[in-house]
Amino acid sequence: MHVAKDAIPVKINAPGAIARQLPDFGIADGAIGAEYFTLNAGTDLAPLLAGLADDACHAAHWGYVIIGDVVVTYRDGSNERCTTGDVFHWPPGHSVRVDRDAELILFSPQAEHEVVMEHILDKLATA
């Protein structure tokens, strides 16, 4: 199975951020989805995660940084920088800030991540 980037449905289209989400990528009977994020430098997801448990994303992600530079902040205050060419795993309890325009591919458990994505959409709608 393969899907072209432009064929992945856009879930979030906000200034500085486009999130494409394919909720059923054929992994684990739809439990894991594929996502393609395009994020501009200066994008900080922390304000959009406010109101979730610990004000953080509670879905795990596995992925690859196609290009860019992002800083992941975890609940304990530690930070991790992911940059062009990095493969990563972000456990639940994180936020992301973009230091350099980035494109990321993520694989995420959909039950957990869909709640986060809907929360972000609600925040954007009231902004």
C-alpha atoms as a PDB file:
ATOM      1  CA  MET A   1       0.000   0.000   0.000  1.00  0.00           C
ATOM      2  CA  HIS A   2       1.189   3.515  -0.737  1.00  0.00           C
ATOM      3  CA  VAL A   3      -0.424   6.927  -0.711  1.00  0.00           C
ATOM      4  CA  ALA A   4       0.896  10.110  -2.314  1.00  0.00           C
ATOM      5  CA  LYS A   5       1.318  13.020   0.102  1.00  0.00           C
ATOM      6  CA  ASP A   6      -1.284  15.148  -1.698  1.00  0.00           C
ATOM      7  CA  ALA A   7      -3.793  12.286  -1.517  1.00  0.00           C
ATOM      8  CA  ILE A   8      -3.656  12.188   2.285  1.00  0.00           C
ATOM      9  CA  PRO A   9      -6.673  14.153   3.586  1.00  0.00           C
ATOM     10  CA  VAL A  10      -5.899  17.456   5.319  1.00  0.00           C
ATOM     11  CA  LYS A  11      -7.068  17.293   8.941  1.00  0.00           C
ATOM     12  CA  ILE A  12      -5.725  20.672  10.096  1.00  0.00           C
ATOM     13  CA  ASN A  13      -4.956  23.659   7.894  1.00  0.00           C
ATOM     14  CA  ALA A  14      -3.893  26.558  10.081  1.00  0.00           C
ATOM     15  CA  PRO A  15      -1.426  29.409   9.634  1.00  0.00           C
ATOM     16  CA  GLY A  16       2.003  27.795   9.765  1.00  0.00           C
ATOM     17  CA  ALA A  17       0.752  24.226  10.011  1.00  0.00           C
ATOM     18  CA  ILE A  18      -0.816  21.616   7.769  1.00  0.00           C
ATOM     19  CA  ALA A  19      -1.564  18.195   9.206  1.00  0.00           C
ATOM     20  CA  ARG A  20      -2.549  15.448   6.803  1.00  0.00           C
ATOM     21  CA  GLN A  21      -3.976  12.320   8.420  1.00  0.00           C
ATOM     22  CA  LEU A  22      -4.662   8.887   7.036  1.00  0.00           C
ATOM     23  CA  PRO A  23      -6.412   7.279  10.017  1.00  0.00           C
ATOM     24  CA  ASP A  24      -6.357   3.760   8.624  1.00  0.00           C
ATOM     25  CA  PHE A  25      -3.009   3.000   7.051  1.00  0.00           C
ATOM     26  CA  GLY A  26      -3.609  -0.732   7.154  1.00  0.00           C
ATOM     27  CA  ILE A  27      -1.472  -1.243  10.257  1.00  0.00           C
ATOM     28  CA  ALA A  28      -2.917  -3.214  13.176  1.00  0.00           C
ATOM     29  CA  ASP A  29      -6.447  -3.179  11.761  1.00  0.00           C
ATOM     30  CA  GLY A  30      -6.624   0.613  11.684  1.00  0.00           C
ATOM     31  CA  ALA A  31      -5.179   1.145  15.131  1.00  0.00           C
ATOM     32  CA  ILE A  32      -2.190   3.013  13.669  1.00  0.00           C
ATOM     33  CA  GLY A  33      -2.499   5.922  11.272  1.00  0.00           C
ATOM     34  CA  ALA A  34      -0.031   7.745   9.068  1.00  0.00           C
ATOM     35  CA  GLU A  35       0.385  11.503   9.238  1.00  0.00           C
ATOM     36  CA  TYR A  36       2.315  14.074   7.264  1.00  0.00           C
ATOM     37  CA  PHE A  37       2.953  17.381   9.013  1.00  0.00           C
ATOM     38  CA  THR A  38       4.223  20.577   7.382  1.00  0.00           C
ATOM     39  CA  LEU A  39       5.153  23.107  10.071  1.00  0.00           C
ATOM     40  CA  ASN A  40       6.646  26.583   9.734  1.00  0.00           C
ATOM     41  CA  ALA A  41       9.436  27.898  11.939  1.00  0.00           C
ATOM     42  CA  GLY A  42       7.977  29.499  15.055  1.00  0.00           C
ATOM     43  CA  THR A  43       5.070  27.068  15.331  1.00  0.00           C
ATOM     44  CA  ASP A  44       4.554  26.074  18.969  1.00  0.00           C
ATOM     45  CA  LEU A  45       1.908  23.460  19.736  1.00  0.00           C
ATOM     46  CA  ALA A  46       1.954  24.057  23.517  1.00  0.00           C
ATOM     47  CA  PRO A  47      -0.902  26.623  23.530  1.00  0.00           C
ATOM     48  CA  LEU A  48      -3.032  24.288  21.418  1.00  0.00           C
ATOM     49  CA  LEU A  49      -2.465  21.404  23.837  1.00  0.00           C
ATOM     50  CA  ALA A  50      -3.549  23.408  26.892  1.00  0.00           C
ATOM     51  CA  GLY A  51      -6.499  21.719  28.527  1.00  0.00           C
ATOM     52  CA  LEU A  52      -5.414  18.169  27.727  1.00  0.00           C
ATOM     53  CA  ALA A  53      -4.028  16.001  30.533  1.00  0.00           C
ATOM     54  CA  ASP A  54      -0.761  17.635  31.647  1.00  0.00           C
ATOM     55  CA  ASP A  55      -1.279  20.147  28.796  1.00  0.00           C
ATOM     56  CA  ALA A  56       0.535  17.695  26.521  1.00  0.00           C
ATOM     57  CA  CYS A  57      -0.087  15.329  23.637  1.00  0.00           C
ATOM     58  CA  HIS A  58      -0.966  11.958  25.130  1.00  0.00           C
ATOM     59  CA  ALA A  59      -0.344   9.901  21.975  1.00  0.00           C
ATOM     60  CA  ALA A  60       2.920   8.194  21.170  1.00  0.00           C
ATOM     61  CA  HIS A  61       4.473   8.852  17.756  1.00  0.00           C
ATOM     62  CA  TRP A  62       7.086   7.114  15.661  1.00  0.00           C
ATOM     63  CA  GLY A  63       8.410   9.025  12.704  1.00  0.00           C
ATOM     64  CA  TYR A  64      10.981  10.646  10.499  1.00  0.00           C
ATOM     65  CA  VAL A  65      12.041  14.279  10.010  1.00  0.00           C
ATOM     66  CA  ILE A  66      12.191  14.801   6.259  1.00  0.00           C
ATOM     67  CA  ILE A  67      13.509  18.309   6.712  1.00  0.00           C
ATOM     68  CA  GLY A  68      13.646  20.855   9.499  1.00  0.00           C
ATOM     69  CA  ASP A  69      14.371  21.248  13.151  1.00  0.00           C
ATOM     70  CA  VAL A  70      11.874  20.605  15.966  1.00  0.00           C
ATOM     71  CA  VAL A  71      12.245  20.637  19.721  1.00  0.00           C
ATOM     72  CA  VAL A  72      10.151  18.194  21.721  1.00  0.00           C
ATOM     73  CA  THR A  73       9.468  19.080  25.349  1.00  0.00           C
ATOM     74  CA  TYR A  74       8.400  16.315  27.719  1.00  0.00           C
ATOM     75  CA  ARG A  75       6.286  16.498  30.894  1.00  0.00           C
ATOM     76  CA  ASP A  76       9.387  16.352  33.075  1.00  0.00           C
ATOM     77  CA  GLY A  77      10.739  19.520  31.388  1.00  0.00           C
ATOM     78  CA  SER A  78      13.444  17.754  29.379  1.00  0.00           C
ATOM     79  CA  ASN A  79      13.916  18.647  25.715  1.00  0.00           C
ATOM     80  CA  GLU A  80      14.991  16.701  22.678  1.00  0.00           C
ATOM     81  CA  ARG A  81      15.940  18.167  19.301  1.00  0.00           C
ATOM     82  CA  CYS A  82      14.994  16.258  16.140  1.00  0.00           C
ATOM     83  CA  THR A  83      16.442  17.442  12.867  1.00  0.00           C
ATOM     84  CA  THR A  84      16.622  16.544   9.172  1.00  0.00           C
ATOM     85  CA  GLY A  85      17.110  12.816   8.692  1.00  0.00           C
ATOM     86  CA  ASP A  86      16.293  11.797  12.273  1.00  0.00           C
ATOM     87  CA  VAL A  87      14.081   8.828  13.067  1.00  0.00           C
ATOM     88  CA  PHE A  88      12.255   9.321  16.367  1.00  0.00           C
ATOM     89  CA  HIS A  89       9.881   7.980  18.981  1.00  0.00           C
ATOM     90  CA  TRP A  90       8.007  10.482  21.118  1.00  0.00           C
ATOM     91  CA  PRO A  91       6.255   8.841  24.067  1.00  0.00           C
ATOM     92  CA  PRO A  92       2.988  10.278  25.406  1.00  0.00           C
ATOM     93  CA  GLY A  93       3.331  13.528  27.341  1.00  0.00           C
ATOM     94  CA  HIS A  94       5.060  15.906  24.935  1.00  0.00           C
ATOM     95  CA  SER A  95       4.743  19.157  23.039  1.00  0.00           C
ATOM     96  CA  VAL A  96       6.527  20.336  19.880  1.00  0.00           C
ATOM     97  CA  ARG A  97       8.088  23.651  18.872  1.00  0.00           C
ATOM     98  CA  VAL A  98       9.487  24.245  15.374  1.00  0.00           C
ATOM     99  CA  ASP A  99      12.818  26.072  15.083  1.00  0.00           C
ATOM    100  CA  ARG A 100      13.273  25.588  11.321  1.00  0.00           C
ATOM    101  CA  ASP A 101      10.552  24.883   8.722  1.00  0.00           C
ATOM    102  CA  ALA A 102       9.824  21.168   9.016  1.00  0.00           C
ATOM    103  CA  GLU A 103       8.147  18.275   7.282  1.00  0.00           C
ATOM    104  CA  LEU A 104       7.536  15.160   9.374  1.00  0.00           C
ATOM    105  CA  ILE A 105       6.034  11.755   8.847  1.00  0.00           C
ATOM    106  CA  LEU A 106       4.415  10.226  11.924  1.00  0.00           C
ATOM    107  CA  PHE A 107       2.796   6.908  12.717  1.00  0.00           C
ATOM    108  CA  SER A 108       0.458   7.208  15.680  1.00  0.00           C
ATOM    109  CA  PRO A 109      -2.133   5.176  17.572  1.00  0.00           C
ATOM    110  CA  GLN A 110      -5.344   6.681  16.226  1.00  0.00           C
ATOM    111  CA  ALA A 111      -7.565   6.283  19.285  1.00  0.00           C
ATOM    112  CA  GLU A 112      -5.234   8.488  21.328  1.00  0.00           C
ATOM    113  CA  HIS A 113      -4.130  10.889  18.626  1.00  0.00           C
ATOM    114  CA  GLU A 114      -7.600  11.570  17.229  1.00  0.00           C
ATOM    115  CA  VAL A 115      -8.594  13.023  20.623  1.00  0.00           C
ATOM    116  CA  VAL A 116      -5.567  15.339  20.496  1.00  0.00           C
ATOM    117  CA  MET A 117      -6.238  16.396  16.902  1.00  0.00           C
ATOM    118  CA  GLU A 118      -9.897  17.180  17.692  1.00  0.00           C
ATOM    119  CA  HIS A 119      -8.802  19.201  20.746  1.00  0.00           C
ATOM    120  CA  ILE A 120      -6.445  21.225  18.536  1.00  0.00           C
ATOM    121  CA  LEU A 121      -9.220  21.817  15.983  1.00  0.00           C
ATOM    122  CA  ASP A 122     -11.521  23.038  18.771  1.00  0.00           C
ATOM    123  CA  LYS A 123      -8.811  25.431  20.015  1.00  0.00           C
ATOM    124  CA  LEU A 124      -8.246  26.780  16.503  1.00  0.00           C
ATOM    125  CA  ALA A 125     -11.988  27.302  16.012  1.00  0.00           C
ATOM    126  CA  THR A 126     -12.203  29.472  19.126  1.00  0.00           C
ATOM    127  CA  ALA A 127      -9.018  31.449  18.470  1.00  0.00           C
END
